Amino acid sequence: MQLPAQIRSVLAVAFDLLAGVIATAFVLEAPSRVGLHGFDFRVMYAAAAAGFFCAGLLRGKSGAANLWLKGFLISAPGLAGVALLIWDQGRLRLIVMVGLGVTALLLAAAGVATRRRKSWRVGALSLAASALVILVVIPHLSSRSAFTEEWHPAPSFTVYTFDGRPINNADLRGHVVVLAFWATWCGPCHAELPEVERVYARFKSNPEVVVIAVDTAAISGGGPDESADGGKTSMARMQLDLPGAFDGGEAGRAFGVRALPMLVVLDRDGNVRLTHTGFDVSEHLDAALSAQINSLLQRHQ
């Protein structure tokens, strides 16, 4: 017995959305499956391209006749996920987030086209173009969109070295300063700090540059409370040589730290010039941050 056309249409839409939900779950799970701490947008884009292409390929034969409507239905859960990320993170890496949604839509439509035309040419070209974008374009976009340019006086703050010596605004005036806020419970922070270490090593001989890894209690991770001893032990375990300090939370809150890791870059006049939130493996943070520091140094020559 054949179901009425209206019911078949509803079921087709439901299965399209279900395929999109499965593809979205695959995208969200991909970074942890490859053992990453924090985002690597290359992995997420690759998972989105593969997951939504397969979803389109699976659901391409039935349902909506219009190729783009079909692609939209399949990618709708992914687009909703991107919208939630943008709502949660604001403009942080906005263009990369939007691109992730566009990738889901385009590759879902490519999968549908491949199934309906029974030709792998469209699919192969779509996947090849996606691979090129992932390898060449995404790292550049992620790096550019992660830094937020600012220009306002830094708030009054004090952090303490692990042996208890205070460091405040007055001590740092006249230097280009990088404050790397992190916490012992934060996995992405542990992935980012080696990048900050490379920046420290690059400018270690330059007395005009100060780099400090600030273990902050501004955000609770649900684990043990942050402490100077815990931060010192954690940095020693990671074999990091860059200077470390502890913040009971006051400095982090003064700088508006709402997510970790977060970098704050000050110029010689004590102004906040750049902030960087989150960690993306693909962006080559050490090179990008070094370029920003050099730019600030040159502006005062």
C-alpha atoms as a PDB file:
ATOM      1  CA  MET A   1       0.000   0.000   0.000  1.00  0.00           C
ATOM      2  CA  GLN A   2       1.464   3.329  -1.109  1.00  0.00           C
ATOM      3  CA  LEU A   3       1.457   6.251   1.307  1.00  0.00           C
ATOM      4  CA  PRO A   4      -0.317   9.473   0.288  1.00  0.00           C
ATOM      5  CA  ALA A   5       1.888  11.994  -1.509  1.00  0.00           C
ATOM      6  CA  GLN A   6       1.665  14.531   1.319  1.00  0.00           C
ATOM      7  CA  ILE A   7       2.884  12.028   3.901  1.00  0.00           C
ATOM      8  CA  ARG A   8       5.701  10.930   1.601  1.00  0.00           C
ATOM      9  CA  SER A   9       6.789  14.550   1.255  1.00  0.00           C
ATOM     10  CA  VAL A  10       6.801  15.048   5.021  1.00  0.00           C
ATOM     11  CA  LEU A  11       8.793  11.871   5.527  1.00  0.00           C
ATOM     12  CA  ALA A  12      11.289  12.918   2.850  1.00  0.00           C
ATOM     13  CA  VAL A  13      11.887  16.228   4.619  1.00  0.00           C
ATOM     14  CA  ALA A  14      12.246  14.428   7.946  1.00  0.00           C
ATOM     15  CA  PHE A  15      14.844  12.034   6.530  1.00  0.00           C
ATOM     16  CA  ASP A  16      16.678  14.946   4.878  1.00  0.00           C
ATOM     17  CA  LEU A  17      16.894  16.702   8.227  1.00  0.00           C
ATOM     18  CA  LEU A  18      17.962  13.493   9.955  1.00  0.00           C
ATOM     19  CA  ALA A  19      20.797  13.051   7.446  1.00  0.00           C
ATOM     20  CA  GLY A  20      21.833  16.636   8.198  1.00  0.00           C
ATOM     21  CA  VAL A  21      21.781  15.995  11.954  1.00  0.00           C
ATOM     22  CA  ILE A  22      24.049  12.974  11.507  1.00  0.00           C
ATOM     23  CA  ALA A  23      26.438  15.005   9.314  1.00  0.00           C
ATOM     24  CA  THR A  24      26.478  17.819  11.888  1.00  0.00           C
ATOM     25  CA  ALA A  25      27.288  15.373  14.683  1.00  0.00           C
ATOM     26  CA  PHE A  26      30.139  14.030  12.556  1.00  0.00           C
ATOM     27  CA  VAL A  27      31.533  17.552  12.102  1.00  0.00           C
ATOM     28  CA  LEU A  28      31.371  18.308  15.835  1.00  0.00           C
ATOM     29  CA  GLU A  29      32.976  14.997  16.760  1.00  0.00           C
ATOM     30  CA  ALA A  30      35.795  15.140  14.213  1.00  0.00           C
ATOM     31  CA  PRO A  31      38.297  17.325  16.185  1.00  0.00           C
ATOM     32  CA  SER A  32      38.166  15.093  19.267  1.00  0.00           C
ATOM     33  CA  ARG A  33      38.513  11.962  17.149  1.00  0.00           C
ATOM     34  CA  VAL A  34      41.823  13.184  15.739  1.00  0.00           C
ATOM     35  CA  GLY A  35      43.096  14.043  19.231  1.00  0.00           C
ATOM     36  CA  LEU A  36      42.961  17.842  19.027  1.00  0.00           C
ATOM     37  CA  HIS A  37      42.560  20.257  21.947  1.00  0.00           C
ATOM     38  CA  GLY A  38      40.429  23.120  20.627  1.00  0.00           C
ATOM     39  CA  PHE A  39      39.350  23.843  17.087  1.00  0.00           C
ATOM     40  CA  ASP A  40      41.241  23.057  13.961  1.00  0.00           C
ATOM     41  CA  PHE A  41      39.010  24.598  11.325  1.00  0.00           C
ATOM     42  CA  ARG A  42      40.744  22.553   8.637  1.00  0.00           C
ATOM     43  CA  VAL A  43      39.436  19.397  10.294  1.00  0.00           C
ATOM     44  CA  MET A  44      35.974  20.879  10.746  1.00  0.00           C
ATOM     45  CA  TYR A  45      35.809  22.039   7.123  1.00  0.00           C
ATOM     46  CA  ALA A  46      37.012  18.657   5.882  1.00  0.00           C
ATOM     47  CA  ALA A  47      34.415  16.904   8.046  1.00  0.00           C
ATOM     48  CA  ALA A  48      31.701  19.277   6.823  1.00  0.00           C
ATOM     49  CA  ALA A  49      32.656  18.715   3.184  1.00  0.00           C
ATOM     50  CA  ALA A  50      32.738  14.928   3.539  1.00  0.00           C
ATOM     51  CA  GLY A  51      29.756  14.615   5.891  1.00  0.00           C
ATOM     52  CA  PHE A  52      27.319  16.805   3.983  1.00  0.00           C
ATOM     53  CA  PHE A  53      28.429  15.503   0.596  1.00  0.00           C
ATOM     54  CA  CYS A  54      27.671  11.969   1.773  1.00  0.00           C
ATOM     55  CA  ALA A  55      24.359  13.114   3.241  1.00  0.00           C
ATOM     56  CA  GLY A  56      23.427  14.700  -0.085  1.00  0.00           C
ATOM     57  CA  LEU A  57      24.541  11.592  -1.930  1.00  0.00           C
ATOM     58  CA  LEU A  58      22.427   9.399   0.353  1.00  0.00           C
ATOM     59  CA  ARG A  59      19.292  11.535   0.134  1.00  0.00           C
ATOM     60  CA  GLY A  60      19.693  12.908  -3.376  1.00  0.00           C
ATOM     61  CA  LYS A  61      17.285  10.622  -5.192  1.00  0.00           C
ATOM     62  CA  SER A  62      14.036  11.396  -3.354  1.00  0.00           C
ATOM     63  CA  GLY A  63      12.230  14.417  -1.994  1.00  0.00           C
ATOM     64  CA  ALA A  64      12.367  18.006  -3.257  1.00  0.00           C
ATOM     65  CA  ALA A  65      12.948  18.327  -6.972  1.00  0.00           C
ATOM     66  CA  ASN A  66      14.813  21.632  -6.674  1.00  0.00           C
ATOM     67  CA  LEU A  67      18.524  20.943  -6.181  1.00  0.00           C
ATOM     68  CA  TRP A  68      19.165  23.938  -3.901  1.00  0.00           C
ATOM     69  CA  LEU A  69      16.052  23.395  -1.809  1.00  0.00           C
ATOM     70  CA  LYS A  70      17.142  19.798  -1.300  1.00  0.00           C
ATOM     71  CA  GLY A  71      20.658  20.911  -0.364  1.00  0.00           C
ATOM     72  CA  PHE A  72      19.227  23.474   2.059  1.00  0.00           C
ATOM     73  CA  LEU A  73      17.026  20.899   3.798  1.00  0.00           C
ATOM     74  CA  ILE A  74      19.950  18.521   4.270  1.00  0.00           C
ATOM     75  CA  SER A  75      22.317  21.245   5.471  1.00  0.00           C
ATOM     76  CA  ALA A  76      19.709  22.989   7.687  1.00  0.00           C
ATOM     77  CA  PRO A  77      20.905  21.337  10.941  1.00  0.00           C
ATOM     78  CA  GLY A  78      24.473  22.382  10.148  1.00  0.00           C
ATOM     79  CA  LEU A  79      23.374  25.932   9.328  1.00  0.00           C
ATOM     80  CA  ALA A  80      21.485  26.041  12.634  1.00  0.00           C
ATOM     81  CA  GLY A  81      24.623  24.883  14.441  1.00  0.00           C
ATOM     82  CA  VAL A  82      26.687  27.621  12.789  1.00  0.00           C
ATOM     83  CA  ALA A  83      24.053  30.207  13.756  1.00  0.00           C
ATOM     84  CA  LEU A  84      24.254  29.058  17.384  1.00  0.00           C
ATOM     85  CA  LEU A  85      28.061  29.335  17.342  1.00  0.00           C
ATOM     86  CA  ILE A  86      27.849  32.867  15.955  1.00  0.00           C
ATOM     87  CA  TRP A  87      25.237  33.792  18.582  1.00  0.00           C
ATOM     88  CA  ASP A  88      27.481  32.375  21.323  1.00  0.00           C
ATOM     89  CA  GLN A  89      30.819  33.770  20.110  1.00  0.00           C
ATOM     90  CA  GLY A  90      29.706  36.991  18.434  1.00  0.00           C
ATOM     91  CA  ARG A  91      31.973  38.255  15.670  1.00  0.00           C
ATOM     92  CA  LEU A  92      34.879  36.022  16.676  1.00  0.00           C
ATOM     93  CA  ARG A  93      36.077  34.336  13.473  1.00  0.00           C
ATOM     94  CA  LEU A  94      32.744  35.304  11.904  1.00  0.00           C
ATOM     95  CA  ILE A  95      33.819  34.864   8.303  1.00  0.00           C
ATOM     96  CA  VAL A  96      35.195  31.383   9.049  1.00  0.00           C
ATOM     97  CA  MET A  97      31.948  30.380  10.762  1.00  0.00           C
ATOM     98  CA  VAL A  98      29.872  31.647   7.837  1.00  0.00           C
ATOM     99  CA  GLY A  99      32.152  29.785   5.436  1.00  0.00           C
ATOM    100  CA  LEU A 100      31.534  26.574   7.363  1.00  0.00           C
ATOM    101  CA  GLY A 101      27.793  26.949   6.794  1.00  0.00           C
ATOM    102  CA  VAL A 102      28.294  27.729   3.117  1.00  0.00           C
ATOM    103  CA  THR A 103      30.468  24.619   2.780  1.00  0.00           C
ATOM    104  CA  ALA A 104      27.707  22.473   4.297  1.00  0.00           C
ATOM    105  CA  LEU A 105      25.148  23.873   1.846  1.00  0.00           C
ATOM    106  CA  LEU A 106      27.323  23.633  -1.257  1.00  0.00           C
ATOM    107  CA  LEU A 107      28.593  20.127  -0.564  1.00  0.00           C
ATOM    108  CA  ALA A 108      25.119  18.833   0.308  1.00  0.00           C
ATOM    109  CA  ALA A 109      23.891  20.197  -3.038  1.00  0.00           C
ATOM    110  CA  ALA A 110      26.931  18.665  -4.777  1.00  0.00           C
ATOM    111  CA  GLY A 111      26.089  15.278  -3.247  1.00  0.00           C
ATOM    112  CA  VAL A 112      22.503  15.564  -4.467  1.00  0.00           C
ATOM    113  CA  ALA A 113      23.681  16.540  -7.969  1.00  0.00           C
ATOM    114  CA  THR A 114      26.102  13.631  -8.074  1.00  0.00           C
ATOM    115  CA  ARG A 115      23.339  11.166  -7.133  1.00  0.00           C
ATOM    116  CA  ARG A 116      20.799  12.546  -9.584  1.00  0.00           C
ATOM    117  CA  ARG A 117      23.132  12.852 -12.540  1.00  0.00           C
ATOM    118  CA  LYS A 118      24.840   9.560 -11.747  1.00  0.00           C
ATOM    119  CA  SER A 119      28.161  11.200 -12.497  1.00  0.00           C
ATOM    120  CA  TRP A 120      31.069  11.620 -10.111  1.00  0.00           C
ATOM    121  CA  ARG A 121      32.506  14.591 -11.999  1.00  0.00           C
ATOM    122  CA  VAL A 122      30.538  17.179 -10.008  1.00  0.00           C
ATOM    123  CA  GLY A 123      31.379  15.445  -6.742  1.00  0.00           C
ATOM    124  CA  ALA A 124      35.067  15.100  -7.543  1.00  0.00           C
ATOM    125  CA  LEU A 125      35.372  18.754  -8.582  1.00  0.00           C
ATOM    126  CA  SER A 126      33.468  19.925  -5.495  1.00  0.00           C
ATOM    127  CA  LEU A 127      35.596  17.892  -3.118  1.00  0.00           C
ATOM    128  CA  ALA A 128      38.816  18.982  -4.858  1.00  0.00           C
ATOM    129  CA  ALA A 129      37.813  22.653  -4.600  1.00  0.00           C
ATOM    130  CA  SER A 130      36.962  22.158  -0.935  1.00  0.00           C
ATOM    131  CA  ALA A 131      40.369  20.595  -0.263  1.00  0.00           C
ATOM    132  CA  LEU A 132      42.099  23.581  -1.900  1.00  0.00           C
ATOM    133  CA  VAL A 133      40.120  26.044   0.213  1.00  0.00           C
ATOM    134  CA  ILE A 134      40.799  24.055   3.391  1.00  0.00           C
ATOM    135  CA  LEU A 135      44.555  23.885   2.842  1.00  0.00           C
ATOM    136  CA  VAL A 136      45.180  27.403   1.500  1.00  0.00           C
ATOM    137  CA  VAL A 137      42.400  29.799   2.455  1.00  0.00           C
ATOM    138  CA  ILE A 138      41.107  28.697   5.874  1.00  0.00           C
ATOM    139  CA  PRO A 139      44.361  29.152   7.881  1.00  0.00           C
ATOM    140  CA  HIS A 140      44.702  32.686   6.519  1.00  0.00           C
ATOM    141  CA  LEU A 141      41.086  33.618   7.235  1.00  0.00           C
ATOM    142  CA  SER A 142      41.177  32.089  10.702  1.00  0.00           C
ATOM    143  CA  SER A 143      44.290  34.030  11.651  1.00  0.00           C
ATOM    144  CA  ARG A 144      42.984  37.354  10.356  1.00  0.00           C
ATOM    145  CA  SER A 145      39.575  36.997  11.980  1.00  0.00           C
ATOM    146  CA  ALA A 146      40.876  35.804  15.369  1.00  0.00           C
ATOM    147  CA  PHE A 147      42.589  39.104  16.206  1.00  0.00           C
ATOM    148  CA  THR A 148      40.416  42.017  17.287  1.00  0.00           C
ATOM    149  CA  GLU A 149      42.011  45.437  16.946  1.00  0.00           C
ATOM    150  CA  GLU A 150      41.381  47.781  19.857  1.00  0.00           C
ATOM    151  CA  TRP A 151      42.819  51.040  21.101  1.00  0.00           C
ATOM    152  CA  HIS A 152      41.971  52.024  24.651  1.00  0.00           C
ATOM    153  CA  PRO A 153      43.880  52.339  27.941  1.00  0.00           C
ATOM    154  CA  ALA A 154      44.443  49.035  29.707  1.00  0.00           C
ATOM    155  CA  PRO A 155      42.568  48.681  32.990  1.00  0.00           C
ATOM    156  CA  SER A 156      44.534  48.906  36.208  1.00  0.00           C
ATOM    157  CA  PHE A 157      45.702  45.399  37.035  1.00  0.00           C
ATOM    158  CA  THR A 158      48.196  43.410  39.059  1.00  0.00           C
ATOM    159  CA  VAL A 159      49.339  39.830  38.552  1.00  0.00           C
ATOM    160  CA  TYR A 160      51.875  37.939  40.631  1.00  0.00           C
ATOM    161  CA  THR A 161      54.839  35.882  39.551  1.00  0.00           C
ATOM    162  CA  PHE A 162      54.813  32.336  40.857  1.00  0.00           C
ATOM    163  CA  ASP A 163      57.216  33.405  43.617  1.00  0.00           C
ATOM    164  CA  GLY A 164      54.875  36.204  44.712  1.00  0.00           C
ATOM    165  CA  ARG A 165      56.364  39.312  43.048  1.00  0.00           C
ATOM    166  CA  PRO A 166      53.655  41.754  41.827  1.00  0.00           C
ATOM    167  CA  ILE A 167      53.590  42.975  38.224  1.00  0.00           C
ATOM    168  CA  ASN A 168      51.337  45.930  37.387  1.00  0.00           C
ATOM    169  CA  ASN A 169      50.699  48.515  34.681  1.00  0.00           C
ATOM    170  CA  ALA A 170      53.553  50.767  35.743  1.00  0.00           C
ATOM    171  CA  ASP A 171      56.071  47.919  35.547  1.00  0.00           C
ATOM    172  CA  LEU A 172      55.083  47.144  31.957  1.00  0.00           C
ATOM    173  CA  ARG A 173      54.816  50.664  30.552  1.00  0.00           C
ATOM    174  CA  GLY A 174      57.344  51.282  27.790  1.00  0.00           C
ATOM    175  CA  HIS A 175      57.135  47.685  26.548  1.00  0.00           C
ATOM    176  CA  VAL A 176      55.057  45.832  24.004  1.00  0.00           C
ATOM    177  CA  VAL A 177      53.350  43.273  26.232  1.00  0.00           C
ATOM    178  CA  VAL A 178      51.631  39.965  25.530  1.00  0.00           C
ATOM    179  CA  LEU A 179      49.453  38.657  28.361  1.00  0.00           C
ATOM    180  CA  ALA A 180      48.479  35.048  27.621  1.00  0.00           C
ATOM    181  CA  PHE A 181      45.554  34.229  29.907  1.00  0.00           C
ATOM    182  CA  TRP A 182      45.136  30.490  30.478  1.00  0.00           C
ATOM    183  CA  ALA A 183      44.117  27.945  33.138  1.00  0.00           C
ATOM    184  CA  THR A 184      45.386  24.556  34.188  1.00  0.00           C
ATOM    185  CA  TRP A 185      42.047  22.859  33.378  1.00  0.00           C
ATOM    186  CA  CYS A 186      41.849  24.346  29.859  1.00  0.00           C
ATOM    187  CA  GLY A 187      42.892  21.872  27.138  1.00  0.00           C
ATOM    188  CA  PRO A 188      43.065  24.458  24.313  1.00  0.00           C
ATOM    189  CA  CYS A 189      45.266  26.608  26.591  1.00  0.00           C
ATOM    190  CA  HIS A 190      47.775  23.768  26.886  1.00  0.00           C
ATOM    191  CA  ALA A 191      47.798  23.531  23.085  1.00  0.00           C
ATOM    192  CA  GLU A 192      48.280  27.288  22.656  1.00  0.00           C
ATOM    193  CA  LEU A 193      51.042  27.889  25.218  1.00  0.00           C
ATOM    194  CA  PRO A 194      53.786  26.168  23.155  1.00  0.00           C
ATOM    195  CA  GLU A 195      52.942  28.642  20.365  1.00  0.00           C
ATOM    196  CA  VAL A 196      53.281  31.512  22.854  1.00  0.00           C
ATOM    197  CA  GLU A 197      56.569  29.963  23.994  1.00  0.00           C
ATOM    198  CA  ARG A 198      57.903  30.217  20.440  1.00  0.00           C
ATOM    199  CA  VAL A 199      56.934  33.887  20.342  1.00  0.00           C
ATOM    200  CA  TYR A 200      58.731  34.427  23.671  1.00  0.00           C
ATOM    201  CA  ALA A 201      61.842  32.688  22.346  1.00  0.00           C
ATOM    202  CA  ARG A 202      61.801  34.875  19.232  1.00  0.00           C
ATOM    203  CA  PHE A 203      61.719  38.127  21.221  1.00  0.00           C
ATOM    204  CA  LYS A 204      63.587  36.977  24.330  1.00  0.00           C
ATOM    205  CA  SER A 205      66.626  39.098  23.500  1.00  0.00           C
ATOM    206  CA  ASN A 206      64.529  42.211  22.841  1.00  0.00           C
ATOM    207  CA  PRO A 207      64.121  44.206  26.081  1.00  0.00           C
ATOM    208  CA  GLU A 208      61.177  46.088  24.565  1.00  0.00           C
ATOM    209  CA  VAL A 209      58.955  42.979  24.474  1.00  0.00           C
ATOM    210  CA  VAL A 210      57.450  41.214  27.491  1.00  0.00           C
ATOM    211  CA  VAL A 211      55.527  37.949  27.216  1.00  0.00           C
ATOM    212  CA  ILE A 212      53.772  36.543  30.313  1.00  0.00           C
ATOM    213  CA  ALA A 213      51.626  33.424  30.632  1.00  0.00           C
ATOM    214  CA  VAL A 214      48.966  34.396  33.195  1.00  0.00           C
ATOM    215  CA  ASP A 215      47.237  31.507  34.949  1.00  0.00           C
ATOM    216  CA  THR A 216      43.881  33.071  35.775  1.00  0.00           C
ATOM    217  CA  ALA A 217      41.020  32.155  38.076  1.00  0.00           C
ATOM    218  CA  ALA A 218      38.672  34.534  36.222  1.00  0.00           C
ATOM    219  CA  ILE A 219      36.808  31.556  34.750  1.00  0.00           C
ATOM    220  CA  SER A 220      35.994  28.377  36.614  1.00  0.00           C
ATOM    221  CA  GLY A 221      36.542  25.123  34.777  1.00  0.00           C
ATOM    222  CA  GLY A 222      34.670  23.008  37.271  1.00  0.00           C
ATOM    223  CA  GLY A 223      37.893  21.432  38.547  1.00  0.00           C
ATOM    224  CA  PRO A 224      40.303  22.341  41.344  1.00  0.00           C
ATOM    225  CA  ASP A 225      40.685  26.052  42.059  1.00  0.00           C
ATOM    226  CA  GLU A 226      43.550  27.761  40.265  1.00  0.00           C
ATOM    227  CA  SER A 227      46.664  28.519  42.329  1.00  0.00           C
ATOM    228  CA  ALA A 228      50.162  29.824  41.768  1.00  0.00           C
ATOM    229  CA  ASP A 229      51.622  26.439  42.691  1.00  0.00           C
ATOM    230  CA  GLY A 230      49.288  24.661  40.287  1.00  0.00           C
ATOM    231  CA  GLY A 231      50.187  27.020  37.448  1.00  0.00           C
ATOM    232  CA  LYS A 232      53.900  26.682  38.115  1.00  0.00           C
ATOM    233  CA  THR A 233      53.677  22.880  38.209  1.00  0.00           C
ATOM    234  CA  SER A 234      51.639  22.771  35.014  1.00  0.00           C
ATOM    235  CA  MET A 235      54.091  24.984  33.111  1.00  0.00           C
ATOM    236  CA  ALA A 236      57.019  22.915  34.370  1.00  0.00           C
ATOM    237  CA  ARG A 237      55.272  19.765  33.183  1.00  0.00           C
ATOM    238  CA  MET A 238      54.884  21.344  29.735  1.00  0.00           C
ATOM    239  CA  GLN A 239      58.589  22.309  29.832  1.00  0.00           C
ATOM    240  CA  LEU A 240      57.860  25.971  29.141  1.00  0.00           C
ATOM    241  CA  ASP A 241      60.473  28.636  29.772  1.00  0.00           C
ATOM    242  CA  LEU A 242      58.358  31.749  29.277  1.00  0.00           C
ATOM    243  CA  PRO A 243      57.615  33.831  32.378  1.00  0.00           C
ATOM    244  CA  GLY A 244      54.526  32.757  34.290  1.00  0.00           C
ATOM    245  CA  ALA A 245      52.249  34.650  36.645  1.00  0.00           C
ATOM    246  CA  PHE A 246      49.081  34.058  38.625  1.00  0.00           C
ATOM    247  CA  ASP A 247      45.871  36.075  38.613  1.00  0.00           C
ATOM    248  CA  GLY A 248      43.256  35.488  41.271  1.00  0.00           C
ATOM    249  CA  GLY A 249      40.650  36.598  38.745  1.00  0.00           C
ATOM    250  CA  GLU A 250      40.712  40.365  39.109  1.00  0.00           C
ATOM    251  CA  ALA A 251      42.994  41.035  36.139  1.00  0.00           C
ATOM    252  CA  GLY A 252      41.165  38.590  33.882  1.00  0.00           C
ATOM    253  CA  ARG A 253      37.801  40.150  34.680  1.00  0.00           C
ATOM    254  CA  ALA A 254      39.246  43.650  34.217  1.00  0.00           C
ATOM    255  CA  PHE A 255      40.347  42.690  30.693  1.00  0.00           C
ATOM    256  CA  GLY A 256      36.993  41.079  29.938  1.00  0.00           C
ATOM    257  CA  VAL A 257      38.219  37.491  29.775  1.00  0.00           C
ATOM    258  CA  ARG A 258      35.095  35.390  29.164  1.00  0.00           C
ATOM    259  CA  ALA A 259      36.685  32.465  27.340  1.00  0.00           C
ATOM    260  CA  LEU A 260      40.090  30.808  27.396  1.00  0.00           C
ATOM    261  CA  PRO A 261      42.684  30.970  26.074  1.00  0.00           C
ATOM    262  CA  MET A 262      42.806  34.722  25.503  1.00  0.00           C
ATOM    263  CA  LEU A 263      45.724  36.916  24.484  1.00  0.00           C
ATOM    264  CA  VAL A 264      45.891  40.627  25.239  1.00  0.00           C
ATOM    265  CA  VAL A 265      48.539  42.756  23.520  1.00  0.00           C
ATOM    266  CA  LEU A 266      49.516  46.148  24.990  1.00  0.00           C
ATOM    267  CA  ASP A 267      51.566  48.844  23.308  1.00  0.00           C
ATOM    268  CA  ARG A 268      54.338  50.872  24.926  1.00  0.00           C
ATOM    269  CA  ASP A 269      51.861  53.511  26.110  1.00  0.00           C
ATOM    270  CA  GLY A 270      49.830  50.969  28.066  1.00  0.00           C
ATOM    271  CA  ASN A 271      46.961  50.741  25.585  1.00  0.00           C
ATOM    272  CA  VAL A 272      45.178  47.527  24.673  1.00  0.00           C
ATOM    273  CA  ARG A 273      45.832  47.154  20.945  1.00  0.00           C
ATOM    274  CA  LEU A 274      44.858  43.563  20.186  1.00  0.00           C
ATOM    275  CA  THR A 275      42.951  40.687  21.693  1.00  0.00           C
ATOM    276  CA  HIS A 276      42.855  37.092  20.499  1.00  0.00           C
ATOM    277  CA  THR A 277      40.367  34.555  21.865  1.00  0.00           C
ATOM    278  CA  GLY A 278      40.325  30.798  21.373  1.00  0.00           C
ATOM    279  CA  PHE A 279      42.834  28.526  19.711  1.00  0.00           C
ATOM    280  CA  ASP A 280      42.791  27.208  16.177  1.00  0.00           C
ATOM    281  CA  VAL A 281      45.606  24.846  15.263  1.00  0.00           C
ATOM    282  CA  SER A 282      45.480  25.901  11.615  1.00  0.00           C
ATOM    283  CA  GLU A 283      46.232  29.591  12.078  1.00  0.00           C
ATOM    284  CA  HIS A 284      49.981  29.326  12.955  1.00  0.00           C
ATOM    285  CA  LEU A 285      49.615  31.618  15.945  1.00  0.00           C
ATOM    286  CA  ASP A 286      53.338  32.078  16.588  1.00  0.00           C
ATOM    287  CA  ALA A 287      53.912  33.646  13.167  1.00  0.00           C
ATOM    288  CA  ALA A 288      50.730  35.741  13.274  1.00  0.00           C
ATOM    289  CA  LEU A 289      51.382  37.059  16.791  1.00  0.00           C
ATOM    290  CA  SER A 290      55.043  37.784  16.005  1.00  0.00           C
ATOM    291  CA  ALA A 291      53.963  39.855  13.007  1.00  0.00           C
ATOM    292  CA  GLN A 292      51.578  41.861  15.202  1.00  0.00           C
ATOM    293  CA  ILE A 293      54.334  42.505  17.762  1.00  0.00           C
ATOM    294  CA  ASN A 294      56.758  43.641  15.070  1.00  0.00           C
ATOM    295  CA  SER A 295      54.111  45.983  13.711  1.00  0.00           C
ATOM    296  CA  LEU A 296      53.665  47.621  17.118  1.00  0.00           C
ATOM    297  CA  LEU A 297      57.438  47.927  17.571  1.00  0.00           C
ATOM    298  CA  GLN A 298      57.837  49.646  14.205  1.00  0.00           C
ATOM    299  CA  ARG A 299      55.073  52.174  14.919  1.00  0.00           C
ATOM    300  CA  HIS A 300      57.141  53.641  17.770  1.00  0.00           C
ATOM    301  CA  GLN A 301      60.424  53.933  15.891  1.00  0.00           C
END
